[in-house]
Amino acid sequence: MHLTTDEVRHVAELAKLRLTEAEITQYTQQLAAILDYAELLQQVDTSHVLPTPYVLPLANVMRDDVSEPSLSNAVAVANAPDKANGFFRVRAVFEE
């Protein structure tokens, strides 16, 4: 696929990249080669290849959801830098 330097400049502008003229020339050639290869891959017959949603033979690896006792209030706020009456104290984020 042929790319123009103007197309590469446009993509660079969209990506907010500041490229030199040498980089634009270099990237024009490299991106064209990448697109040529992707075009070549599109021609490969994959009709006999099964879809592969997972590459590893894993089933559900989640543990069973089991109810367990929770932390006490004192333990939960023990390392809090600022606490009051069993609650975490934080700086207000809303103005009144």
PDB file of N, CA and C in Angstrom:
ATOM      1  N   MET A   1       0.853  -1.175   0.000  1.00  0.00           N
ATOM      2  CA  MET A   1       0.000   0.000   0.000  1.00  0.00           C
ATOM      3  C   MET A   1       0.896   1.234   0.000  1.00  0.00           C
ATOM      4  N   HIS A   2       0.554   2.156  -0.831  1.00  0.00           N
ATOM      5  CA  HIS A   2       1.363   3.368  -0.933  1.00  0.00           C
ATOM      6  C   HIS A   2       0.822   4.427   0.021  1.00  0.00           C
ATOM      7  N   LEU A   3       1.698   4.973   0.839  1.00  0.00           N
ATOM      8  CA  LEU A   3       1.348   6.077   1.735  1.00  0.00           C
ATOM      9  C   LEU A   3       2.084   7.325   1.276  1.00  0.00           C
ATOM     10  N   THR A   4       1.422   8.440   1.436  1.00  0.00           N
ATOM     11  CA  THR A   4       2.088   9.699   1.116  1.00  0.00           C
ATOM     12  C   THR A   4       2.628  10.315   2.396  1.00  0.00           C
ATOM     13  N   THR A   5       3.558  11.199   2.242  1.00  0.00           N
ATOM     14  CA  THR A   5       4.096  11.895   3.416  1.00  0.00           C
ATOM     15  C   THR A   5       3.028  12.766   4.062  1.00  0.00           C
ATOM     16  N   ASP A   6       2.096  13.266   3.261  1.00  0.00           N
ATOM     17  CA  ASP A   6       1.004  14.062   3.827  1.00  0.00           C
ATOM     18  C   ASP A   6       0.120  13.214   4.744  1.00  0.00           C
ATOM     19  N   GLU A   7      -0.108  11.957   4.369  1.00  0.00           N
ATOM     20  CA  GLU A   7      -0.898  11.066   5.228  1.00  0.00           C
ATOM     21  C   GLU A   7      -0.173  10.788   6.536  1.00  0.00           C
ATOM     22  N   VAL A   8       1.135  10.602   6.458  1.00  0.00           N
ATOM     23  CA  VAL A   8       1.919  10.370   7.673  1.00  0.00           C
ATOM     24  C   VAL A   8       1.929  11.627   8.537  1.00  0.00           C
ATOM     25  N   ARG A   9       2.039  12.787   7.933  1.00  0.00           N
ATOM     26  CA  ARG A   9       1.967  14.046   8.698  1.00  0.00           C
ATOM     27  C   ARG A   9       0.618  14.158   9.404  1.00  0.00           C
ATOM     28  N   HIS A  10      -0.450  13.794   8.698  1.00  0.00           N
ATOM     29  CA  HIS A  10      -1.800  13.874   9.272  1.00  0.00           C
ATOM     30  C   HIS A  10      -1.931  12.931  10.474  1.00  0.00           C
ATOM     31  N   VAL A  11      -1.451  11.698  10.343  1.00  0.00           N
ATOM     32  CA  VAL A  11      -1.507  10.737  11.447  1.00  0.00           C
ATOM     33  C   VAL A  11      -0.660  11.235  12.614  1.00  0.00           C
ATOM     34  N   ALA A  12       0.508  11.782  12.309  1.00  0.00           N
ATOM     35  CA  ALA A  12       1.377  12.312  13.367  1.00  0.00           C
ATOM     36  C   ALA A  12       0.698  13.469  14.089  1.00  0.00           C
ATOM     37  N   GLU A  13      -0.009  14.305  13.345  1.00  0.00           N
ATOM     38  CA  GLU A  13      -0.725  15.424  13.958  1.00  0.00           C
ATOM     39  C   GLU A  13      -1.844  14.913  14.858  1.00  0.00           C
ATOM     40  N   LEU A  14      -2.564  13.885  14.407  1.00  0.00           N
ATOM     41  CA  LEU A  14      -3.626  13.304  15.227  1.00  0.00           C
ATOM     42  C   LEU A  14      -3.075  12.708  16.515  1.00  0.00           C
ATOM     43  N   ALA A  15      -1.877  12.132  16.421  1.00  0.00           N
ATOM     44  CA  ALA A  15      -1.223  11.534  17.587  1.00  0.00           C
ATOM     45  C   ALA A  15      -0.427  12.559  18.392  1.00  0.00           C
ATOM     46  N   LYS A  16      -0.475  13.803  17.963  1.00  0.00           N
ATOM     47  CA  LYS A  16       0.257  14.899  18.636  1.00  0.00           C
ATOM     48  C   LYS A  16       1.753  14.613  18.706  1.00  0.00           C
ATOM     49  N   LEU A  17       2.303  14.106  17.589  1.00  0.00           N
ATOM     50  CA  LEU A  17       3.735  13.838  17.499  1.00  0.00           C
ATOM     51  C   LEU A  17       4.409  14.927  16.677  1.00  0.00           C
ATOM     52  N   ARG A  18       5.526  15.399  17.152  1.00  0.00           N
ATOM     53  CA  ARG A  18       6.322  16.359  16.390  1.00  0.00           C
ATOM     54  C   ARG A  18       7.428  15.576  15.700  1.00  0.00           C
ATOM     55  N   LEU A  19       7.308  15.424  14.394  1.00  0.00           N
ATOM     56  CA  LEU A  19       8.288  14.642  13.634  1.00  0.00           C
ATOM     57  C   LEU A  19       9.109  15.544  12.734  1.00  0.00           C
ATOM     58  N   THR A  20      10.362  15.177  12.583  1.00  0.00           N
ATOM     59  CA  THR A  20      11.218  15.888  11.637  1.00  0.00           C
ATOM     60  C   THR A  20      10.916  15.357  10.238  1.00  0.00           C
ATOM     61  N   GLU A  21      11.412  16.051   9.221  1.00  0.00           N
ATOM     62  CA  GLU A  21      11.203  15.591   7.842  1.00  0.00           C
ATOM     63  C   GLU A  21      11.841  14.217   7.621  1.00  0.00           C
ATOM     64  N   ALA A  22      12.997  13.991   8.250  1.00  0.00           N
ATOM     65  CA  ALA A  22      13.664  12.688   8.117  1.00  0.00           C
ATOM     66  C   ALA A  22      12.812  11.582   8.737  1.00  0.00           C
ATOM     67  N   GLU A  23      12.206  11.868   9.887  1.00  0.00           N
ATOM     68  CA  GLU A  23      11.345  10.880  10.532  1.00  0.00           C
ATOM     69  C   GLU A  23      10.094  10.616   9.702  1.00  0.00           C
ATOM     70  N   ILE A  24       9.534  11.657   9.119  1.00  0.00           N
ATOM     71  CA  ILE A  24       8.349  11.484   8.275  1.00  0.00           C
ATOM     72  C   ILE A  24       8.671  10.583   7.090  1.00  0.00           C
ATOM     73  N   THR A  25       9.812  10.798   6.462  1.00  0.00           N
ATOM     74  CA  THR A  25      10.226   9.950   5.342  1.00  0.00           C
ATOM     75  C   THR A  25      10.429   8.512   5.804  1.00  0.00           C
ATOM     76  N   GLN A  26      11.097   8.348   6.936  1.00  0.00           N
ATOM     77  CA  GLN A  26      11.358   7.012   7.472  1.00  0.00           C
ATOM     78  C   GLN A  26      10.050   6.309   7.821  1.00  0.00           C
ATOM     79  N   TYR A  27       9.143   7.000   8.512  1.00  0.00           N
ATOM     80  CA  TYR A  27       7.880   6.394   8.924  1.00  0.00           C
ATOM     81  C   TYR A  27       6.976   6.114   7.727  1.00  0.00           C
ATOM     82  N   THR A  28       7.067   6.916   6.688  1.00  0.00           N
ATOM     83  CA  THR A  28       6.278   6.658   5.486  1.00  0.00           C
ATOM     84  C   THR A  28       6.668   5.305   4.907  1.00  0.00           C
ATOM     85  N   GLN A  29       7.953   5.035   4.818  1.00  0.00           N
ATOM     86  CA  GLN A  29       8.427   3.755   4.282  1.00  0.00           C
ATOM     87  C   GLN A  29       8.060   2.600   5.217  1.00  0.00           C
ATOM     88  N   GLN A  30       8.258   2.795   6.510  1.00  0.00           N
ATOM     89  CA  GLN A  30       7.996   1.722   7.465  1.00  0.00           C
ATOM     90  C   GLN A  30       6.506   1.397   7.548  1.00  0.00           C
ATOM     91  N   LEU A  31       5.668   2.421   7.617  1.00  0.00           N
ATOM     92  CA  LEU A  31       4.227   2.175   7.693  1.00  0.00           C
ATOM     93  C   LEU A  31       3.698   1.545   6.419  1.00  0.00           C
ATOM     94  N   ALA A  32       4.228   1.929   5.277  1.00  0.00           N
ATOM     95  CA  ALA A  32       3.824   1.309   4.015  1.00  0.00           C
ATOM     96  C   ALA A  32       4.192  -0.170   4.013  1.00  0.00           C
ATOM     97  N   ALA A  33       5.361  -0.506   4.528  1.00  0.00           N
ATOM     98  CA  ALA A  33       5.780  -1.907   4.600  1.00  0.00           C
ATOM     99  C   ALA A  33       4.871  -2.704   5.536  1.00  0.00           C
ATOM    100  N   ILE A  34       4.496  -2.104   6.651  1.00  0.00           N
ATOM    101  CA  ILE A  34       3.599  -2.773   7.596  1.00  0.00           C
ATOM    102  C   ILE A  34       2.238  -3.015   6.955  1.00  0.00           C
ATOM    103  N   LEU A  35       1.709  -2.014   6.282  1.00  0.00           N
ATOM    104  CA  LEU A  35       0.412  -2.160   5.629  1.00  0.00           C
ATOM    105  C   LEU A  35       0.470  -3.165   4.483  1.00  0.00           C
ATOM    106  N   ASP A  36       1.573  -3.214   3.761  1.00  0.00           N
ATOM    107  CA  ASP A  36       1.745  -4.223   2.707  1.00  0.00           C
ATOM    108  C   ASP A  36       1.719  -5.629   3.303  1.00  0.00           C
ATOM    109  N   TYR A  37       2.377  -5.806   4.439  1.00  0.00           N
ATOM    110  CA  TYR A  37       2.400  -7.112   5.084  1.00  0.00           C
ATOM    111  C   TYR A  37       1.015  -7.488   5.593  1.00  0.00           C
ATOM    112  N   ALA A  38       0.284  -6.538   6.178  1.00  0.00           N
ATOM    113  CA  ALA A  38      -1.072  -6.807   6.646  1.00  0.00           C
ATOM    114  C   ALA A  38      -1.972  -7.191   5.480  1.00  0.00           C
ATOM    115  N   GLU A  39      -1.772  -6.551   4.337  1.00  0.00           N
ATOM    116  CA  GLU A  39      -2.535  -6.889   3.138  1.00  0.00           C
ATOM    117  C   GLU A  39      -2.218  -8.310   2.672  1.00  0.00           C
ATOM    118  N   LEU A  40      -0.951  -8.698   2.774  1.00  0.00           N
ATOM    119  CA  LEU A  40      -0.533 -10.046   2.424  1.00  0.00           C
ATOM    120  C   LEU A  40      -1.183 -11.074   3.355  1.00  0.00           C
ATOM    121  N   LEU A  41      -1.263 -10.754   4.641  1.00  0.00           N
ATOM    122  CA  LEU A  41      -1.880 -11.661   5.604  1.00  0.00           C
ATOM    123  C   LEU A  41      -3.370 -11.846   5.335  1.00  0.00           C
ATOM    124  N   GLN A  42      -4.028 -10.827   4.799  1.00  0.00           N
ATOM    125  CA  GLN A  42      -5.447 -10.926   4.482  1.00  0.00           C
ATOM    126  C   GLN A  42      -5.712 -11.978   3.410  1.00  0.00           C
ATOM    127  N   GLN A  43      -4.707 -12.320   2.626  1.00  0.00           N
ATOM    128  CA  GLN A  43      -4.864 -13.290   1.547  1.00  0.00           C
ATOM    129  C   GLN A  43      -4.721 -14.740   2.017  1.00  0.00           C
ATOM    130  N   VAL A  44      -4.288 -14.952   3.252  1.00  0.00           N
ATOM    131  CA  VAL A  44      -4.096 -16.303   3.769  1.00  0.00           C
ATOM    132  C   VAL A  44      -5.455 -16.954   4.004  1.00  0.00           C
ATOM    133  N   ASP A  45      -5.612 -18.191   3.539  1.00  0.00           N
ATOM    134  CA  ASP A  45      -6.855 -18.930   3.717  1.00  0.00           C
ATOM    135  C   ASP A  45      -6.912 -19.489   5.138  1.00  0.00           C
ATOM    136  N   THR A  46      -7.812 -18.979   5.935  1.00  0.00           N
ATOM    137  CA  THR A  46      -7.968 -19.442   7.315  1.00  0.00           C
ATOM    138  C   THR A  46      -9.309 -20.151   7.510  1.00  0.00           C
ATOM    139  N   SER A  47      -9.950 -20.563   6.426  1.00  0.00           N
ATOM    140  CA  SER A  47     -11.274 -21.186   6.526  1.00  0.00           C
ATOM    141  C   SER A  47     -11.224 -22.522   7.273  1.00  0.00           C
ATOM    142  N   HIS A  48     -10.086 -23.197   7.280  1.00  0.00           N
ATOM    143  CA  HIS A  48      -9.964 -24.484   7.963  1.00  0.00           C
ATOM    144  C   HIS A  48      -9.449 -24.343   9.401  1.00  0.00           C
ATOM    145  N   VAL A  49      -9.204 -23.139   9.842  1.00  0.00           N
ATOM    146  CA  VAL A  49      -8.685 -22.905  11.194  1.00  0.00           C
ATOM    147  C   VAL A  49      -9.851 -22.584  12.117  1.00  0.00           C
ATOM    148  N   LEU A  50      -9.936 -23.335  13.210  1.00  0.00           N
ATOM    149  CA  LEU A  50     -11.012 -23.105  14.168  1.00  0.00           C
ATOM    150  C   LEU A  50     -10.744 -21.819  14.952  1.00  0.00           C
ATOM    151  N   PRO A  51     -11.803 -21.115  15.335  1.00  0.00           N
ATOM    152  CA  PRO A  51     -11.614 -19.915  16.165  1.00  0.00           C
ATOM    153  C   PRO A  51     -10.945 -20.292  17.483  1.00  0.00           C
ATOM    154  N   THR A  52     -10.086 -19.431  17.953  1.00  0.00           N
ATOM    155  CA  THR A  52      -9.351 -19.694  19.186  1.00  0.00           C
ATOM    156  C   THR A  52      -9.623 -18.576  20.188  1.00  0.00           C
ATOM    157  N   PRO A  53     -10.720 -18.687  20.941  1.00  0.00           N
ATOM    158  CA  PRO A  53     -10.991 -17.626  21.908  1.00  0.00           C
ATOM    159  C   PRO A  53     -10.015 -17.640  23.079  1.00  0.00           C
ATOM    160  N   TYR A  54      -9.491 -18.831  23.412  1.00  0.00           N
ATOM    161  CA  TYR A  54      -8.526 -18.954  24.504  1.00  0.00           C
ATOM    162  C   TYR A  54      -7.355 -19.793  24.024  1.00  0.00           C
ATOM    163  N   VAL A  55      -6.154 -19.383  24.352  1.00  0.00           N
ATOM    164  CA  VAL A  55      -4.985 -20.151  23.930  1.00  0.00           C
ATOM    165  C   VAL A  55      -4.594 -21.204  24.950  1.00  0.00           C
ATOM    166  N   LEU A  56      -5.095 -21.088  26.163  1.00  0.00           N
ATOM    167  CA  LEU A  56      -4.794 -22.071  27.203  1.00  0.00           C
ATOM    168  C   LEU A  56      -6.064 -22.838  27.553  1.00  0.00           C
ATOM    169  N   PRO A  57      -5.926 -24.109  27.865  1.00  0.00           N
ATOM    170  CA  PRO A  57      -7.121 -24.907  28.186  1.00  0.00           C
ATOM    171  C   PRO A  57      -7.592 -24.671  29.620  1.00  0.00           C
ATOM    172  N   LEU A  58      -8.054 -23.479  29.912  1.00  0.00           N
ATOM    173  CA  LEU A  58      -8.496 -23.147  31.263  1.00  0.00           C
ATOM    174  C   LEU A  58     -10.017 -23.135  31.342  1.00  0.00           C
ATOM    175  N   ALA A  59     -10.493 -23.593  32.456  1.00  0.00           N
ATOM    176  CA  ALA A  59     -11.915 -23.467  32.756  1.00  0.00           C
ATOM    177  C   ALA A  59     -12.037 -22.332  33.764  1.00  0.00           C
ATOM    178  N   ASN A  60     -13.140 -22.253  34.433  1.00  0.00           N
ATOM    179  CA  ASN A  60     -13.325 -21.208  35.429  1.00  0.00           C
ATOM    180  C   ASN A  60     -12.315 -21.397  36.554  1.00  0.00           C
ATOM    181  N   VAL A  61     -11.459 -20.419  36.775  1.00  0.00           N
ATOM    182  CA  VAL A  61     -10.434 -20.526  37.807  1.00  0.00           C
ATOM    183  C   VAL A  61     -10.784 -19.692  39.036  1.00  0.00           C
ATOM    184  N   MET A  62     -12.014 -19.229  39.104  1.00  0.00           N
ATOM    185  CA  MET A  62     -12.443 -18.436  40.248  1.00  0.00           C
ATOM    186  C   MET A  62     -12.789 -19.369  41.412  1.00  0.00           C
ATOM    187  N   ARG A  63     -12.524 -18.918  42.601  1.00  0.00           N
ATOM    188  CA  ARG A  63     -12.874 -19.724  43.765  1.00  0.00           C
ATOM    189  C   ARG A  63     -14.361 -19.535  44.066  1.00  0.00           C
ATOM    190  N   ASP A  64     -14.908 -20.443  44.819  1.00  0.00           N
ATOM    191  CA  ASP A  64     -16.302 -20.310  45.232  1.00  0.00           C
ATOM    192  C   ASP A  64     -16.445 -19.098  46.128  1.00  0.00           C
ATOM    193  N   ASP A  65     -17.559 -18.416  46.003  1.00  0.00           N
ATOM    194  CA  ASP A  65     -17.831 -17.248  46.827  1.00  0.00           C
ATOM    195  C   ASP A  65     -18.338 -17.727  48.176  1.00  0.00           C
ATOM    196  N   VAL A  66     -17.487 -17.613  49.198  1.00  0.00           N
ATOM    197  CA  VAL A  66     -17.822 -18.103  50.524  1.00  0.00           C
ATOM    198  C   VAL A  66     -17.870 -16.922  51.476  1.00  0.00           C
ATOM    199  N   SER A  67     -18.930 -16.857  52.242  1.00  0.00           N
ATOM    200  CA  SER A  67     -19.080 -15.785  53.221  1.00  0.00           C
ATOM    201  C   SER A  67     -18.116 -16.029  54.377  1.00  0.00           C
ATOM    202  N   GLU A  68     -17.380 -14.986  54.757  1.00  0.00           N
ATOM    203  CA  GLU A  68     -16.442 -15.074  55.865  1.00  0.00           C
ATOM    204  C   GLU A  68     -16.634 -13.870  56.776  1.00  0.00           C
ATOM    205  N   PRO A  69     -16.199 -13.977  58.014  1.00  0.00           N
ATOM    206  CA  PRO A  69     -16.352 -12.837  58.921  1.00  0.00           C
ATOM    207  C   PRO A  69     -15.563 -11.630  58.410  1.00  0.00           C
ATOM    208  N   SER A  70     -16.113 -10.451  58.589  1.00  0.00           N
ATOM    209  CA  SER A  70     -15.430  -9.238  58.148  1.00  0.00           C
ATOM    210  C   SER A  70     -14.575  -8.671  59.274  1.00  0.00           C
ATOM    211  N   LEU A  71     -13.808  -7.643  58.932  1.00  0.00           N
ATOM    212  CA  LEU A  71     -12.972  -6.986  59.940  1.00  0.00           C
ATOM    213  C   LEU A  71     -13.837  -6.238  60.934  1.00  0.00           C
ATOM    214  N   SER A  72     -13.337  -6.153  62.148  1.00  0.00           N
ATOM    215  CA  SER A  72     -14.036  -5.313  63.118  1.00  0.00           C
ATOM    216  C   SER A  72     -13.770  -3.854  62.754  1.00  0.00           C
ATOM    217  N   ASN A  73     -14.589  -2.971  63.253  1.00  0.00           N
ATOM    218  CA  ASN A  73     -14.430  -1.560  62.946  1.00  0.00           C
ATOM    219  C   ASN A  73     -13.076  -1.053  63.430  1.00  0.00           C
ATOM    220  N   ALA A  74     -12.661  -1.468  64.608  1.00  0.00           N
ATOM    221  CA  ALA A  74     -11.388  -1.013  65.175  1.00  0.00           C
ATOM    222  C   ALA A  74     -10.209  -1.451  64.299  1.00  0.00           C
ATOM    223  N   VAL A  75     -10.240  -2.665  63.803  1.00  0.00           N
ATOM    224  CA  VAL A  75      -9.159  -3.160  62.955  1.00  0.00           C
ATOM    225  C   VAL A  75      -9.172  -2.431  61.604  1.00  0.00           C
ATOM    226  N   ALA A  76     -10.372  -2.170  61.063  1.00  0.00           N
ATOM    227  CA  ALA A  76     -10.482  -1.531  59.752  1.00  0.00           C
ATOM    228  C   ALA A  76      -9.880  -0.132  59.753  1.00  0.00           C
ATOM    229  N   VAL A  77     -10.081   0.620  60.814  1.00  0.00           N
ATOM    230  CA  VAL A  77      -9.582   2.009  60.847  1.00  0.00           C
ATOM    231  C   VAL A  77      -8.267   2.140  61.619  1.00  0.00           C
ATOM    232  N   ALA A  78      -7.670   1.029  62.023  1.00  0.00           N
ATOM    233  CA  ALA A  78      -6.472   1.068  62.871  1.00  0.00           C
ATOM    234  C   ALA A  78      -5.327   1.845  62.240  1.00  0.00           C
ATOM    235  N   ASN A  79      -5.095   1.707  60.932  1.00  0.00           N
ATOM    236  CA  ASN A  79      -3.970   2.382  60.287  1.00  0.00           C
ATOM    237  C   ASN A  79      -4.363   3.661  59.566  1.00  0.00           C
ATOM    238  N   ALA A  80      -5.567   4.126  59.772  1.00  0.00           N
ATOM    239  CA  ALA A  80      -6.031   5.339  59.095  1.00  0.00           C
ATOM    240  C   ALA A  80      -5.250   6.539  59.623  1.00  0.00           C
ATOM    241  N   PRO A  81      -4.812   7.435  58.746  1.00  0.00           N
ATOM    242  CA  PRO A  81      -4.070   8.606  59.206  1.00  0.00           C
ATOM    243  C   PRO A  81      -4.951   9.571  59.990  1.00  0.00           C
ATOM    244  N   ASP A  82      -6.255   9.546  59.735  1.00  0.00           N
ATOM    245  CA  ASP A  82      -7.170  10.429  60.455  1.00  0.00           C
ATOM    246  C   ASP A  82      -8.500   9.710  60.587  1.00  0.00           C
ATOM    247  N   LYS A  83      -8.980   9.573  61.816  1.00  0.00           N
ATOM    248  CA  LYS A  83     -10.239   8.867  62.063  1.00  0.00           C
ATOM    249  C   LYS A  83     -10.980   9.543  63.203  1.00  0.00           C
ATOM    250  N   ALA A  84     -12.312   9.339  63.225  1.00  0.00           N
ATOM    251  CA  ALA A  84     -13.139   9.901  64.292  1.00  0.00           C
ATOM    252  C   ALA A  84     -14.382   9.050  64.447  1.00  0.00           C
ATOM    253  N   ASN A  85     -14.681   8.643  65.670  1.00  0.00           N
ATOM    254  CA  ASN A  85     -15.884   7.876  65.993  1.00  0.00           C
ATOM    255  C   ASN A  85     -16.009   6.606  65.148  1.00  0.00           C
ATOM    256  N   GLY A  86     -14.885   5.956  64.853  1.00  0.00           N
ATOM    257  CA  GLY A  86     -14.912   4.711  64.091  1.00  0.00           C
ATOM    258  C   GLY A  86     -15.021   4.897  62.585  1.00  0.00           C
ATOM    259  N   PHE A  87     -14.881   6.127  62.094  1.00  0.00           N
ATOM    260  CA  PHE A  87     -14.967   6.403  60.658  1.00  0.00           C
ATOM    261  C   PHE A  87     -13.635   6.968  60.164  1.00  0.00           C
ATOM    262  N   PHE A  88     -13.379   6.803  58.868  1.00  0.00           N
ATOM    263  CA  PHE A  88     -12.236   7.448  58.233  1.00  0.00           C
ATOM    264  C   PHE A  88     -12.585   8.920  58.049  1.00  0.00           C
ATOM    265  N   ARG A  89     -11.666   9.811  58.400  1.00  0.00           N
ATOM    266  CA  ARG A  89     -11.884  11.225  58.165  1.00  0.00           C
ATOM    267  C   ARG A  89     -11.102  11.613  56.902  1.00  0.00           C
ATOM    268  N   VAL A  90     -11.785  12.277  55.991  1.00  0.00           N
ATOM    269  CA  VAL A  90     -11.147  12.737  54.764  1.00  0.00           C
ATOM    270  C   VAL A  90     -11.491  14.200  54.558  1.00  0.00           C
ATOM    271  N   ARG A  91     -10.691  14.840  53.757  1.00  0.00           N
ATOM    272  CA  ARG A  91     -10.928  16.241  53.460  1.00  0.00           C
ATOM    273  C   ARG A  91     -12.198  16.358  52.603  1.00  0.00           C
ATOM    274  N   ALA A  92     -13.001  17.353  52.861  1.00  0.00           N
ATOM    275  CA  ALA A  92     -14.245  17.548  52.106  1.00  0.00           C
ATOM    276  C   ALA A  92     -13.925  17.842  50.643  1.00  0.00           C
ATOM    277  N   VAL A  93     -14.704  17.270  49.755  1.00  0.00           N
ATOM    278  CA  VAL A  93     -14.499  17.507  48.326  1.00  0.00           C
ATOM    279  C   VAL A  93     -15.610  18.360  47.738  1.00  0.00           C
ATOM    280  N   PHE A  94     -16.691  18.556  48.449  1.00  0.00           N
ATOM    281  CA  PHE A  94     -17.782  19.380  47.978  1.00  0.00           C
ATOM    282  C   PHE A  94     -17.836  20.657  48.790  1.00  0.00           C
ATOM    283  N   GLU A  95     -18.079  21.750  48.124  1.00  0.00           N
ATOM    284  CA  GLU A  95     -18.240  23.003  48.842  1.00  0.00           C
ATOM    285  C   GLU A  95     -19.703  23.166  49.217  1.00  0.00           C
ATOM    286  N   GLU A  96     -19.935  23.796  50.344  1.00  0.00           N
ATOM    287  CA  GLU A  96     -21.322  23.980  50.780  1.00  0.00           C
ATOM    288  C   GLU A  96     -21.881  25.264  50.240  1.00  0.00           C
TER     289      GLU A  96
END
